[in-house]
């Protein structure tokens, strides 16, 4: 141990064996000190924009100095419903929590700058699990130019990770759900269906498609495309969290329009079809109903930015369904929380 190691670090690192000390063994204050130290070392990856964090972790509250409108979103992940410790490392769980919350900020055409996290867990939880979740969240946030600026730790009957993200529009108007209009193109920022495929592969205990399993554990998405889309004139935008069909339904309803989608145009991971065949699954179910890819879904008056893929068009509403897939209604639906 180096001479500069803190008491909190010694408490956490001084495992007696097995899984190491639990949260109860270490104590709330020592563990928070360690979490704070990790957050204080994290820095934005885009120094050209300047550091908007006036007061970071370690005080009673964080203070941010933002140039544009404040954008806020929050999400909770519940153990054995949204993640499993036997399927994902703590670092992957933390990274996933950060990505899914930052995706909501990107979907408004904004960039994430600060994150606060509350971790509720049983006292018997190994301290290294909490530290790993925090480290994964810090690492993922840094990729988007954001920082973990505070949070809370509390005892509970089950593990719940709640993330609140703060972002800024940098002066541009937010891109809302209700901006879709007849004649616009519908596009996505990347492949969809990978996360659902990864989950199905884990359940089938099939290890032949590690890239898809990895995409379930931590979504592979470039959330910088939110501001890019806004600058390119995106009229309506959201992220694919609950499934492509459900997100299109929500956007169409908010805008008072209908949407036509061409399944052949929907981008997919090159191994998605092979994975579906390998376990006897329906690739369309993964792409249209899977969700949790957190790719951005937007409408544009013309062509989308480079790297985006046009998958359909906004049309006038009629007597039929709001979302038509290959010209007809689709029975596929996405995630339901209740």
C-alpha atoms as a PDB file:
ATOM      1  CA  UNK A   1       0.000   0.000   0.000  1.00  0.00           C
ATOM      2  CA  UNK A   2       1.282   3.469  -0.812  1.00  0.00           C
ATOM      3  CA  UNK A   3       1.735   5.962   1.965  1.00  0.00           C
ATOM      4  CA  UNK A   4      -0.960   8.169   0.448  1.00  0.00           C
ATOM      5  CA  UNK A   5      -3.708   5.551   0.744  1.00  0.00           C
ATOM      6  CA  UNK A   6      -6.687   6.731   2.797  1.00  0.00           C
ATOM      7  CA  UNK A   7      -8.394   4.968   5.657  1.00  0.00           C
ATOM      8  CA  UNK A   8     -11.365   4.405   3.397  1.00  0.00           C
ATOM      9  CA  UNK A   9      -9.203   2.672   0.815  1.00  0.00           C
ATOM     10  CA  UNK A  10      -7.583   0.486   3.483  1.00  0.00           C
ATOM     11  CA  UNK A  11     -11.017  -0.483   4.797  1.00  0.00           C
ATOM     12  CA  UNK A  12     -12.215  -1.541   1.382  1.00  0.00           C
ATOM     13  CA  UNK A  13      -8.990  -3.151   0.154  1.00  0.00           C
ATOM     14  CA  UNK A  14      -8.246  -4.995   3.368  1.00  0.00           C
ATOM     15  CA  UNK A  15     -10.306  -8.035   2.468  1.00  0.00           C
ATOM     16  CA  UNK A  16      -9.955 -10.975   4.786  1.00  0.00           C
ATOM     17  CA  UNK A  17     -10.728 -13.477   2.007  1.00  0.00           C
ATOM     18  CA  UNK A  18     -13.681 -14.729   0.035  1.00  0.00           C
ATOM     19  CA  UNK A  19     -15.692 -11.992  -1.582  1.00  0.00           C
ATOM     20  CA  UNK A  20     -14.049  -9.347   0.574  1.00  0.00           C
ATOM     21  CA  UNK A  21     -15.644  -6.983   3.093  1.00  0.00           C
ATOM     22  CA  UNK A  22     -19.325  -6.188   2.796  1.00  0.00           C
ATOM     23  CA  UNK A  23     -20.888  -2.748   2.720  1.00  0.00           C
ATOM     24  CA  UNK A  24     -21.747  -3.216   6.401  1.00  0.00           C
ATOM     25  CA  UNK A  25     -18.148  -4.173   7.205  1.00  0.00           C
ATOM     26  CA  UNK A  26     -16.741  -1.054   5.570  1.00  0.00           C
ATOM     27  CA  UNK A  27     -19.409   1.379   6.734  1.00  0.00           C
ATOM     28  CA  UNK A  28     -21.263   4.082   4.844  1.00  0.00           C
ATOM     29  CA  UNK A  29     -18.837   6.934   5.502  1.00  0.00           C
ATOM     30  CA  UNK A  30     -15.703   5.047   4.471  1.00  0.00           C
ATOM     31  CA  UNK A  31     -17.368   3.738   1.324  1.00  0.00           C
ATOM     32  CA  UNK A  32     -18.679   7.174   0.353  1.00  0.00           C
ATOM     33  CA  UNK A  33     -15.179   8.587   0.848  1.00  0.00           C
ATOM     34  CA  UNK A  34     -13.861   6.019  -1.631  1.00  0.00           C
ATOM     35  CA  UNK A  35     -16.657   6.714  -4.146  1.00  0.00           C
ATOM     36  CA  UNK A  36     -16.006  10.438  -3.841  1.00  0.00           C
ATOM     37  CA  UNK A  37     -12.300   9.976  -4.473  1.00  0.00           C
ATOM     38  CA  UNK A  38     -13.019   8.099  -7.709  1.00  0.00           C
ATOM     39  CA  UNK A  39     -15.421  10.794  -8.915  1.00  0.00           C
ATOM     40  CA  UNK A  40     -12.996  13.592  -8.091  1.00  0.00           C
ATOM     41  CA  UNK A  41     -10.389  12.007 -10.364  1.00  0.00           C
ATOM     42  CA  UNK A  42     -12.758  11.829 -13.355  1.00  0.00           C
ATOM     43  CA  UNK A  43     -12.518  14.607 -15.917  1.00  0.00           C
ATOM     44  CA  UNK A  44     -14.493  15.520 -19.059  1.00  0.00           C
ATOM     45  CA  UNK A  45     -13.037  14.169 -22.306  1.00  0.00           C
ATOM     46  CA  UNK A  46     -13.859  17.361 -24.208  1.00  0.00           C
ATOM     47  CA  UNK A  47     -11.798  20.055 -22.476  1.00  0.00           C
ATOM     48  CA  UNK A  48     -12.490  22.495 -25.318  1.00  0.00           C
ATOM     49  CA  UNK A  49     -15.963  23.061 -23.902  1.00  0.00           C
ATOM     50  CA  UNK A  50     -14.657  23.945 -20.465  1.00  0.00           C
ATOM     51  CA  UNK A  51     -15.587  22.348 -17.148  1.00  0.00           C
ATOM     52  CA  UNK A  52     -19.152  23.237 -16.194  1.00  0.00           C
ATOM     53  CA  UNK A  53     -18.774  21.624 -12.747  1.00  0.00           C
ATOM     54  CA  UNK A  54     -18.377  24.458 -10.240  1.00  0.00           C
ATOM     55  CA  UNK A  55     -18.726  22.241  -7.149  1.00  0.00           C
ATOM     56  CA  UNK A  56     -18.269  18.502  -7.590  1.00  0.00           C
ATOM     57  CA  UNK A  57     -18.512  15.462  -5.307  1.00  0.00           C
ATOM     58  CA  UNK A  58     -17.740  15.815  -1.624  1.00  0.00           C
ATOM     59  CA  UNK A  59     -19.968  18.764  -0.724  1.00  0.00           C
ATOM     60  CA  UNK A  60     -23.647  18.884   0.276  1.00  0.00           C
ATOM     61  CA  UNK A  61     -24.700  19.364  -3.354  1.00  0.00           C
ATOM     62  CA  UNK A  62     -23.133  19.758  -6.768  1.00  0.00           C
ATOM     63  CA  UNK A  63     -23.154  23.080  -8.630  1.00  0.00           C
ATOM     64  CA  UNK A  64     -23.166  23.273 -12.439  1.00  0.00           C
ATOM     65  CA  UNK A  65     -22.739  26.358 -14.611  1.00  0.00           C
ATOM     66  CA  UNK A  66     -24.551  25.664 -17.905  1.00  0.00           C
ATOM     67  CA  UNK A  67     -24.577  27.744 -21.080  1.00  0.00           C
ATOM     68  CA  UNK A  68     -27.932  26.480 -22.377  1.00  0.00           C
ATOM     69  CA  UNK A  69     -31.185  25.043 -21.070  1.00  0.00           C
ATOM     70  CA  UNK A  70     -30.907  22.466 -18.282  1.00  0.00           C
ATOM     71  CA  UNK A  71     -31.975  18.965 -19.378  1.00  0.00           C
ATOM     72  CA  UNK A  72     -32.678  16.374 -16.655  1.00  0.00           C
ATOM     73  CA  UNK A  73     -33.512  12.663 -16.760  1.00  0.00           C
ATOM     74  CA  UNK A  74     -33.592   9.856 -14.197  1.00  0.00           C
ATOM     75  CA  UNK A  75     -33.682   6.051 -14.403  1.00  0.00           C
ATOM     76  CA  UNK A  76     -33.630   3.166 -11.936  1.00  0.00           C
ATOM     77  CA  UNK A  77     -32.178  -0.303 -12.441  1.00  0.00           C
ATOM     78  CA  UNK A  78     -33.416  -3.092 -10.156  1.00  0.00           C
ATOM     79  CA  UNK A  79     -31.366  -6.220  -9.550  1.00  0.00           C
ATOM     80  CA  UNK A  80     -32.751  -9.352 -11.249  1.00  0.00           C
ATOM     81  CA  UNK A  81     -35.181  -7.245 -13.269  1.00  0.00           C
ATOM     82  CA  UNK A  82     -32.847  -4.936 -15.197  1.00  0.00           C
ATOM     83  CA  UNK A  83     -29.521  -6.645 -14.458  1.00  0.00           C
ATOM     84  CA  UNK A  84     -28.094  -9.844 -12.976  1.00  0.00           C
ATOM     85  CA  UNK A  85     -24.818  -9.963 -11.104  1.00  0.00           C
ATOM     86  CA  UNK A  86     -24.204 -13.456 -12.452  1.00  0.00           C
ATOM     87  CA  UNK A  87     -24.458 -12.155 -16.040  1.00  0.00           C
ATOM     88  CA  UNK A  88     -22.695  -8.785 -15.772  1.00  0.00           C
ATOM     89  CA  UNK A  89     -19.764  -7.401 -13.829  1.00  0.00           C
ATOM     90  CA  UNK A  90     -20.425  -4.481 -11.473  1.00  0.00           C
ATOM     91  CA  UNK A  91     -18.468  -2.240 -13.867  1.00  0.00           C
ATOM     92  CA  UNK A  92     -20.749  -3.251 -16.743  1.00  0.00           C
ATOM     93  CA  UNK A  93     -23.842  -2.585 -14.650  1.00  0.00           C
ATOM     94  CA  UNK A  94     -22.591   0.889 -13.798  1.00  0.00           C
ATOM     95  CA  UNK A  95     -21.710   1.661 -17.400  1.00  0.00           C
ATOM     96  CA  UNK A  96     -25.109   0.477 -18.605  1.00  0.00           C
ATOM     97  CA  UNK A  97     -26.878   2.644 -16.036  1.00  0.00           C
ATOM     98  CA  UNK A  98     -24.942   5.695 -17.212  1.00  0.00           C
ATOM     99  CA  UNK A  99     -25.564   5.005 -20.910  1.00  0.00           C
ATOM    100  CA  UNK A 100     -29.306   4.529 -20.603  1.00  0.00           C
ATOM    101  CA  UNK A 101     -29.731   7.768 -18.658  1.00  0.00           C
ATOM    102  CA  UNK A 102     -27.385   9.783 -20.872  1.00  0.00           C
ATOM    103  CA  UNK A 103     -29.348   8.507 -23.891  1.00  0.00           C
ATOM    104  CA  UNK A 104     -32.388  10.444 -22.686  1.00  0.00           C
ATOM    105  CA  UNK A 105     -30.307  13.612 -22.644  1.00  0.00           C
ATOM    106  CA  UNK A 106     -28.951  12.931 -26.139  1.00  0.00           C
ATOM    107  CA  UNK A 107     -32.494  12.332 -27.387  1.00  0.00           C
ATOM    108  CA  UNK A 108     -33.278  15.963 -26.585  1.00  0.00           C
ATOM    109  CA  UNK A 109     -30.360  17.090 -28.755  1.00  0.00           C
ATOM    110  CA  UNK A 110     -28.310  17.852 -25.642  1.00  0.00           C
ATOM    111  CA  UNK A 111     -25.062  16.630 -24.085  1.00  0.00           C
ATOM    112  CA  UNK A 112     -24.655  15.140 -20.625  1.00  0.00           C
ATOM    113  CA  UNK A 113     -22.439  17.004 -18.162  1.00  0.00           C
ATOM    114  CA  UNK A 114     -23.166  15.681 -14.661  1.00  0.00           C
ATOM    115  CA  UNK A 115     -24.497  12.526 -13.021  1.00  0.00           C
ATOM    116  CA  UNK A 116     -25.730  11.821  -9.501  1.00  0.00           C
ATOM    117  CA  UNK A 117     -26.293   8.226  -8.439  1.00  0.00           C
ATOM    118  CA  UNK A 118     -28.114   6.574  -5.558  1.00  0.00           C
ATOM    119  CA  UNK A 119     -27.201   2.976  -4.787  1.00  0.00           C
ATOM    120  CA  UNK A 120     -29.510   1.042  -2.469  1.00  0.00           C
ATOM    121  CA  UNK A 121     -28.304  -2.420  -1.472  1.00  0.00           C
ATOM    122  CA  UNK A 122     -28.466  -5.035   1.297  1.00  0.00           C
ATOM    123  CA  UNK A 123     -25.795  -4.582   3.997  1.00  0.00           C
ATOM    124  CA  UNK A 124     -24.370  -7.973   3.003  1.00  0.00           C
ATOM    125  CA  UNK A 125     -23.456  -6.704  -0.480  1.00  0.00           C
ATOM    126  CA  UNK A 126     -19.706  -6.977  -1.092  1.00  0.00           C
ATOM    127  CA  UNK A 127     -18.179  -3.495  -1.057  1.00  0.00           C
ATOM    128  CA  UNK A 128     -16.332  -4.302  -4.300  1.00  0.00           C
ATOM    129  CA  UNK A 129     -19.702  -4.578  -6.066  1.00  0.00           C
ATOM    130  CA  UNK A 130     -20.663  -1.031  -5.121  1.00  0.00           C
ATOM    131  CA  UNK A 131     -17.205   0.266  -6.011  1.00  0.00           C
ATOM    132  CA  UNK A 132     -17.310  -1.543  -9.347  1.00  0.00           C
ATOM    133  CA  UNK A 133     -20.699  -0.085 -10.269  1.00  0.00           C
ATOM    134  CA  UNK A 134     -19.394   3.364  -9.420  1.00  0.00           C
ATOM    135  CA  UNK A 135     -16.203   2.853 -11.444  1.00  0.00           C
ATOM    136  CA  UNK A 136     -18.140   1.673 -14.489  1.00  0.00           C
ATOM    137  CA  UNK A 137     -20.420   4.664 -14.266  1.00  0.00           C
ATOM    138  CA  UNK A 138     -17.497   7.076 -14.001  1.00  0.00           C
ATOM    139  CA  UNK A 139     -15.747   5.484 -16.979  1.00  0.00           C
ATOM    140  CA  UNK A 140     -18.862   5.555 -19.174  1.00  0.00           C
ATOM    141  CA  UNK A 141     -19.707   9.129 -18.181  1.00  0.00           C
ATOM    142  CA  UNK A 142     -16.220  10.270 -19.135  1.00  0.00           C
ATOM    143  CA  UNK A 143     -16.737   8.906 -22.661  1.00  0.00           C
ATOM    144  CA  UNK A 144     -19.648  11.346 -23.065  1.00  0.00           C
ATOM    145  CA  UNK A 145     -17.797  14.259 -21.492  1.00  0.00           C
ATOM    146  CA  UNK A 146     -19.772  13.991 -18.247  1.00  0.00           C
ATOM    147  CA  UNK A 147     -18.781  13.471 -14.602  1.00  0.00           C
ATOM    148  CA  UNK A 148     -20.304  11.784 -11.590  1.00  0.00           C
ATOM    149  CA  UNK A 149     -20.822  14.736  -9.243  1.00  0.00           C
ATOM    150  CA  UNK A 150     -22.523  13.182  -6.231  1.00  0.00           C
ATOM    151  CA  UNK A 151     -24.996  10.643  -4.932  1.00  0.00           C
ATOM    152  CA  UNK A 152     -26.197   8.579  -2.019  1.00  0.00           C
ATOM    153  CA  UNK A 153     -25.738   5.126  -0.502  1.00  0.00           C
ATOM    154  CA  UNK A 154     -28.496   3.467   1.527  1.00  0.00           C
ATOM    155  CA  UNK A 155     -29.385   0.055   2.937  1.00  0.00           C
ATOM    156  CA  UNK A 156     -32.300  -1.764   1.292  1.00  0.00           C
ATOM    157  CA  UNK A 157     -33.733  -5.222   0.804  1.00  0.00           C
ATOM    158  CA  UNK A 158     -32.575  -5.407  -2.823  1.00  0.00           C
ATOM    159  CA  UNK A 159     -30.071  -3.591  -4.994  1.00  0.00           C
ATOM    160  CA  UNK A 160     -31.423  -0.594  -6.895  1.00  0.00           C
ATOM    161  CA  UNK A 161     -29.228   1.811  -8.868  1.00  0.00           C
ATOM    162  CA  UNK A 162     -30.894   5.164  -9.575  1.00  0.00           C
ATOM    163  CA  UNK A 163     -29.148   7.588 -11.899  1.00  0.00           C
ATOM    164  CA  UNK A 164     -30.047  11.221 -12.553  1.00  0.00           C
ATOM    165  CA  UNK A 165     -28.274  12.962 -15.416  1.00  0.00           C
ATOM    166  CA  UNK A 166     -27.972  16.695 -16.037  1.00  0.00           C
ATOM    167  CA  UNK A 167     -27.299  18.011 -19.512  1.00  0.00           C
ATOM    168  CA  UNK A 168     -27.232  21.207 -21.510  1.00  0.00           C
ATOM    169  CA  UNK A 169     -28.531  22.155 -24.937  1.00  0.00           C
ATOM    170  CA  UNK A 170     -25.586  24.550 -25.394  1.00  0.00           C
ATOM    171  CA  UNK A 171     -28.058  27.174 -26.587  1.00  0.00           C
ATOM    172  CA  UNK A 172     -29.832  25.090 -29.232  1.00  0.00           C
ATOM    173  CA  UNK A 173     -33.578  24.422 -28.842  1.00  0.00           C
ATOM    174  CA  UNK A 174     -34.441  20.964 -27.473  1.00  0.00           C
ATOM    175  CA  UNK A 175     -35.650  18.349 -29.952  1.00  0.00           C
ATOM    176  CA  UNK A 176     -39.008  17.021 -28.761  1.00  0.00           C
ATOM    177  CA  UNK A 177     -41.152  13.992 -29.572  1.00  0.00           C
ATOM    178  CA  UNK A 178     -43.947  16.049 -31.093  1.00  0.00           C
ATOM    179  CA  UNK A 179     -42.063  17.477 -34.076  1.00  0.00           C
ATOM    180  CA  UNK A 180     -42.641  14.744 -36.651  1.00  0.00           C
ATOM    181  CA  UNK A 181     -44.532  15.905 -39.756  1.00  0.00           C
ATOM    182  CA  UNK A 182     -45.787  14.315 -42.966  1.00  0.00           C
ATOM    183  CA  UNK A 183     -43.063  13.983 -45.576  1.00  0.00           C
ATOM    184  CA  UNK A 184     -40.139  13.657 -43.168  1.00  0.00           C
ATOM    185  CA  UNK A 185     -37.746  10.707 -43.180  1.00  0.00           C
ATOM    186  CA  UNK A 186     -37.376   8.423 -40.158  1.00  0.00           C
ATOM    187  CA  UNK A 187     -33.826   7.361 -39.270  1.00  0.00           C
ATOM    188  CA  UNK A 188     -31.825   5.588 -36.558  1.00  0.00           C
ATOM    189  CA  UNK A 189     -28.275   6.305 -35.452  1.00  0.00           C
ATOM    190  CA  UNK A 190     -27.115   2.674 -35.371  1.00  0.00           C
ATOM    191  CA  UNK A 191     -28.092  -1.018 -35.354  1.00  0.00           C
ATOM    192  CA  UNK A 192     -31.010  -2.179 -33.225  1.00  0.00           C
ATOM    193  CA  UNK A 193     -31.827  -5.598 -31.811  1.00  0.00           C
ATOM    194  CA  UNK A 194     -28.370  -6.373 -30.441  1.00  0.00           C
ATOM    195  CA  UNK A 195     -29.244  -5.962 -26.760  1.00  0.00           C
ATOM    196  CA  UNK A 196     -32.310  -8.196 -27.010  1.00  0.00           C
ATOM    197  CA  UNK A 197     -30.233 -10.778 -28.858  1.00  0.00           C
ATOM    198  CA  UNK A 198     -27.577 -10.690 -26.139  1.00  0.00           C
ATOM    199  CA  UNK A 199     -30.193 -11.234 -23.439  1.00  0.00           C
ATOM    200  CA  UNK A 200     -31.676 -14.173 -25.332  1.00  0.00           C
ATOM    201  CA  UNK A 201     -28.222 -15.679 -25.863  1.00  0.00           C
ATOM    202  CA  UNK A 202     -27.459 -15.422 -22.147  1.00  0.00           C
ATOM    203  CA  UNK A 203     -30.739 -17.135 -21.347  1.00  0.00           C
ATOM    204  CA  UNK A 204     -29.967 -19.885 -23.863  1.00  0.00           C
ATOM    205  CA  UNK A 205     -26.416 -20.241 -22.467  1.00  0.00           C
ATOM    206  CA  UNK A 206     -25.052 -19.757 -25.974  1.00  0.00           C
ATOM    207  CA  UNK A 207     -21.530 -18.328 -25.995  1.00  0.00           C
ATOM    208  CA  UNK A 208     -21.016 -18.212 -29.755  1.00  0.00           C
ATOM    209  CA  UNK A 209     -21.919 -14.529 -30.209  1.00  0.00           C
ATOM    210  CA  UNK A 210     -19.895 -12.561 -27.627  1.00  0.00           C
ATOM    211  CA  UNK A 211     -20.324  -9.227 -29.448  1.00  0.00           C
ATOM    212  CA  UNK A 212     -24.103  -9.411 -29.012  1.00  0.00           C
ATOM    213  CA  UNK A 213     -23.858 -10.430 -25.369  1.00  0.00           C
ATOM    214  CA  UNK A 214     -21.508  -7.493 -24.799  1.00  0.00           C
ATOM    215  CA  UNK A 215     -24.047  -5.164 -26.436  1.00  0.00           C
ATOM    216  CA  UNK A 216     -26.635  -6.297 -23.901  1.00  0.00           C
ATOM    217  CA  UNK A 217     -24.329  -5.780 -20.956  1.00  0.00           C
ATOM    218  CA  UNK A 218     -23.283  -2.295 -22.104  1.00  0.00           C
ATOM    219  CA  UNK A 219     -25.135  -0.719 -25.068  1.00  0.00           C
ATOM    220  CA  UNK A 220     -22.847   0.271 -27.930  1.00  0.00           C
ATOM    221  CA  UNK A 221     -24.086   3.693 -28.990  1.00  0.00           C
ATOM    222  CA  UNK A 222     -22.595   7.079 -29.890  1.00  0.00           C
ATOM    223  CA  UNK A 223     -24.653   9.529 -27.833  1.00  0.00           C
ATOM    224  CA  UNK A 224     -22.758  12.460 -29.331  1.00  0.00           C
ATOM    225  CA  UNK A 225     -25.137  11.963 -32.238  1.00  0.00           C
ATOM    226  CA  UNK A 226     -27.879  13.723 -30.247  1.00  0.00           C
ATOM    227  CA  UNK A 227     -26.389  17.206 -30.697  1.00  0.00           C
ATOM    228  CA  UNK A 228     -25.251  16.223 -34.198  1.00  0.00           C
ATOM    229  CA  UNK A 229     -28.832  15.368 -35.145  1.00  0.00           C
ATOM    230  CA  UNK A 230     -30.124  18.582 -33.596  1.00  0.00           C
ATOM    231  CA  UNK A 231     -27.620  20.630 -35.586  1.00  0.00           C
ATOM    232  CA  UNK A 232     -28.662  18.720 -38.733  1.00  0.00           C
ATOM    233  CA  UNK A 233     -32.290  19.752 -38.253  1.00  0.00           C
ATOM    234  CA  UNK A 234     -33.857  16.788 -36.442  1.00  0.00           C
ATOM    235  CA  UNK A 235     -37.556  17.529 -35.960  1.00  0.00           C
ATOM    236  CA  UNK A 236     -38.473  14.797 -33.464  1.00  0.00           C
ATOM    237  CA  UNK A 237     -36.175  12.486 -31.543  1.00  0.00           C
ATOM    238  CA  UNK A 238     -36.098   9.788 -28.864  1.00  0.00           C
ATOM    239  CA  UNK A 239     -33.932   6.803 -27.966  1.00  0.00           C
ATOM    240  CA  UNK A 240     -34.789   3.161 -28.534  1.00  0.00           C
ATOM    241  CA  UNK A 241     -35.168   1.991 -24.941  1.00  0.00           C
ATOM    242  CA  UNK A 242     -38.501   0.120 -24.971  1.00  0.00           C
ATOM    243  CA  UNK A 243     -38.404  -1.241 -28.524  1.00  0.00           C
ATOM    244  CA  UNK A 244     -38.525   0.372 -31.964  1.00  0.00           C
ATOM    245  CA  UNK A 245     -42.270  -0.166 -32.459  1.00  0.00           C
ATOM    246  CA  UNK A 246     -43.180   1.349 -29.101  1.00  0.00           C
ATOM    247  CA  UNK A 247     -40.889   4.342 -29.592  1.00  0.00           C
ATOM    248  CA  UNK A 248     -42.387   4.992 -33.036  1.00  0.00           C
ATOM    249  CA  UNK A 249     -45.905   4.669 -31.595  1.00  0.00           C
ATOM    250  CA  UNK A 250     -45.085   7.236 -28.916  1.00  0.00           C
ATOM    251  CA  UNK A 251     -43.535   9.650 -31.412  1.00  0.00           C
ATOM    252  CA  UNK A 252     -46.392   9.279 -33.908  1.00  0.00           C
ATOM    253  CA  UNK A 253     -49.035   9.809 -31.220  1.00  0.00           C
ATOM    254  CA  UNK A 254     -47.275  12.886 -29.846  1.00  0.00           C
ATOM    255  CA  UNK A 255     -46.980  14.355 -33.357  1.00  0.00           C
ATOM    256  CA  UNK A 256     -50.426  13.377 -34.644  1.00  0.00           C
ATOM    257  CA  UNK A 257     -48.991  11.448 -37.612  1.00  0.00           C
ATOM    258  CA  UNK A 258     -48.406   7.889 -38.801  1.00  0.00           C
ATOM    259  CA  UNK A 259     -45.133   6.160 -39.679  1.00  0.00           C
ATOM    260  CA  UNK A 260     -44.242   3.628 -42.378  1.00  0.00           C
ATOM    261  CA  UNK A 261     -41.253   1.377 -41.657  1.00  0.00           C
ATOM    262  CA  UNK A 262     -39.321  -0.907 -44.020  1.00  0.00           C
ATOM    263  CA  UNK A 263     -37.854  -3.819 -42.035  1.00  0.00           C
ATOM    264  CA  UNK A 264     -35.258  -4.509 -44.739  1.00  0.00           C
ATOM    265  CA  UNK A 265     -33.809  -1.044 -44.118  1.00  0.00           C
ATOM    266  CA  UNK A 266     -33.404  -1.419 -40.335  1.00  0.00           C
ATOM    267  CA  UNK A 267     -29.655  -1.699 -39.551  1.00  0.00           C
ATOM    268  CA  UNK A 268     -28.545  -4.814 -37.701  1.00  0.00           C
ATOM    269  CA  UNK A 269     -25.350  -6.226 -36.284  1.00  0.00           C
ATOM    270  CA  UNK A 270     -23.807  -8.480 -38.964  1.00  0.00           C
ATOM    271  CA  UNK A 271     -24.208 -11.546 -36.715  1.00  0.00           C
ATOM    272  CA  UNK A 272     -27.786 -10.876 -35.617  1.00  0.00           C
ATOM    273  CA  UNK A 273     -29.369 -13.182 -38.186  1.00  0.00           C
ATOM    274  CA  UNK A 274     -26.966 -15.983 -37.342  1.00  0.00           C
ATOM    275  CA  UNK A 275     -27.724 -15.633 -33.637  1.00  0.00           C
ATOM    276  CA  UNK A 276     -31.471 -15.816 -34.261  1.00  0.00           C
ATOM    277  CA  UNK A 277     -31.043 -18.945 -36.362  1.00  0.00           C
ATOM    278  CA  UNK A 278     -28.744 -20.515 -33.761  1.00  0.00           C
ATOM    279  CA  UNK A 279     -31.296 -20.376 -30.941  1.00  0.00           C
ATOM    280  CA  UNK A 280     -34.495 -20.483 -32.991  1.00  0.00           C
ATOM    281  CA  UNK A 281     -35.453 -16.879 -32.268  1.00  0.00           C
ATOM    282  CA  UNK A 282     -37.278 -14.265 -34.345  1.00  0.00           C
ATOM    283  CA  UNK A 283     -34.868 -11.571 -35.493  1.00  0.00           C
ATOM    284  CA  UNK A 284     -37.796  -9.218 -36.183  1.00  0.00           C
ATOM    285  CA  UNK A 285     -38.884  -9.515 -32.551  1.00  0.00           C
ATOM    286  CA  UNK A 286     -35.420  -8.416 -31.452  1.00  0.00           C
ATOM    287  CA  UNK A 287     -35.302  -5.467 -33.847  1.00  0.00           C
ATOM    288  CA  UNK A 288     -38.866  -4.231 -33.496  1.00  0.00           C
ATOM    289  CA  UNK A 289     -39.594  -5.070 -29.862  1.00  0.00           C
ATOM    290  CA  UNK A 290     -36.254  -5.649 -28.167  1.00  0.00           C
ATOM    291  CA  UNK A 291     -35.261  -2.228 -26.897  1.00  0.00           C
ATOM    292  CA  UNK A 292     -32.328  -1.278 -24.651  1.00  0.00           C
ATOM    293  CA  UNK A 293     -30.041  -0.535 -27.589  1.00  0.00           C
ATOM    294  CA  UNK A 294     -30.481   3.194 -26.858  1.00  0.00           C
ATOM    295  CA  UNK A 295     -29.768   4.121 -30.465  1.00  0.00           C
ATOM    296  CA  UNK A 296     -31.318   7.464 -31.363  1.00  0.00           C
ATOM    297  CA  UNK A 297     -34.474   7.578 -33.477  1.00  0.00           C
ATOM    298  CA  UNK A 298     -35.296  10.843 -35.259  1.00  0.00           C
ATOM    299  CA  UNK A 299     -37.166  12.447 -38.133  1.00  0.00           C
ATOM    300  CA  UNK A 300     -35.625  14.859 -40.640  1.00  0.00           C
ATOM    301  CA  UNK A 301     -36.934  17.049 -43.432  1.00  0.00           C
ATOM    302  CA  UNK A 302     -34.364  15.471 -45.748  1.00  0.00           C
ATOM    303  CA  UNK A 303     -31.377  13.180 -45.443  1.00  0.00           C
ATOM    304  CA  UNK A 304     -30.085  12.421 -41.920  1.00  0.00           C
ATOM    305  CA  UNK A 305     -26.474  13.039 -40.816  1.00  0.00           C
ATOM    306  CA  UNK A 306     -23.696  10.729 -41.957  1.00  0.00           C
ATOM    307  CA  UNK A 307     -23.822   7.376 -40.203  1.00  0.00           C
ATOM    308  CA  UNK A 308     -27.593   7.412 -39.705  1.00  0.00           C
ATOM    309  CA  UNK A 309     -29.879   5.026 -41.619  1.00  0.00           C
ATOM    310  CA  UNK A 310     -33.283   5.918 -43.064  1.00  0.00           C
ATOM    311  CA  UNK A 311     -35.794   3.194 -42.103  1.00  0.00           C
ATOM    312  CA  UNK A 312     -39.069   4.794 -43.146  1.00  0.00           C
ATOM    313  CA  UNK A 313     -41.158   7.899 -43.557  1.00  0.00           C
ATOM    314  CA  UNK A 314     -43.716  10.017 -41.740  1.00  0.00           C
ATOM    315  CA  UNK A 315     -47.138   9.814 -43.429  1.00  0.00           C
ATOM    316  CA  UNK A 316     -50.623  11.160 -42.838  1.00  0.00           C
ATOM    317  CA  UNK A 317     -52.669   9.368 -40.189  1.00  0.00           C
ATOM    318  CA  UNK A 318     -55.563   7.283 -41.441  1.00  0.00           C
ATOM    319  CA  UNK A 319     -57.961   4.645 -40.241  1.00  0.00           C
ATOM    320  CA  UNK A 320     -55.214   2.080 -39.746  1.00  0.00           C
ATOM    321  CA  UNK A 321     -52.425   1.768 -37.154  1.00  0.00           C
ATOM    322  CA  UNK A 322     -50.113   4.664 -36.377  1.00  0.00           C
ATOM    323  CA  UNK A 323     -47.097   2.500 -37.156  1.00  0.00           C
ATOM    324  CA  UNK A 324     -47.155   0.312 -40.235  1.00  0.00           C
ATOM    325  CA  UNK A 325     -44.364  -2.212 -40.767  1.00  0.00           C
ATOM    326  CA  UNK A 326     -43.927  -3.285 -44.385  1.00  0.00           C
ATOM    327  CA  UNK A 327     -47.357  -1.862 -45.075  1.00  0.00           C
ATOM    328  CA  UNK A 328     -49.271  -3.592 -42.266  1.00  0.00           C
ATOM    329  CA  UNK A 329     -49.833  -3.520 -38.504  1.00  0.00           C
ATOM    330  CA  UNK A 330     -47.266  -5.436 -36.455  1.00  0.00           C
ATOM    331  CA  UNK A 331     -48.228  -7.616 -33.458  1.00  0.00           C
ATOM    332  CA  UNK A 332     -44.797  -7.025 -31.919  1.00  0.00           C
ATOM    333  CA  UNK A 333     -44.628  -4.867 -28.821  1.00  0.00           C
ATOM    334  CA  UNK A 334     -41.769  -3.764 -26.640  1.00  0.00           C
ATOM    335  CA  UNK A 335     -40.838  -3.641 -22.964  1.00  0.00           C
ATOM    336  CA  UNK A 336     -43.516  -3.275 -20.295  1.00  0.00           C
ATOM    337  CA  UNK A 337     -42.495  -2.167 -16.784  1.00  0.00           C
ATOM    338  CA  UNK A 338     -45.768  -3.373 -15.269  1.00  0.00           C
END
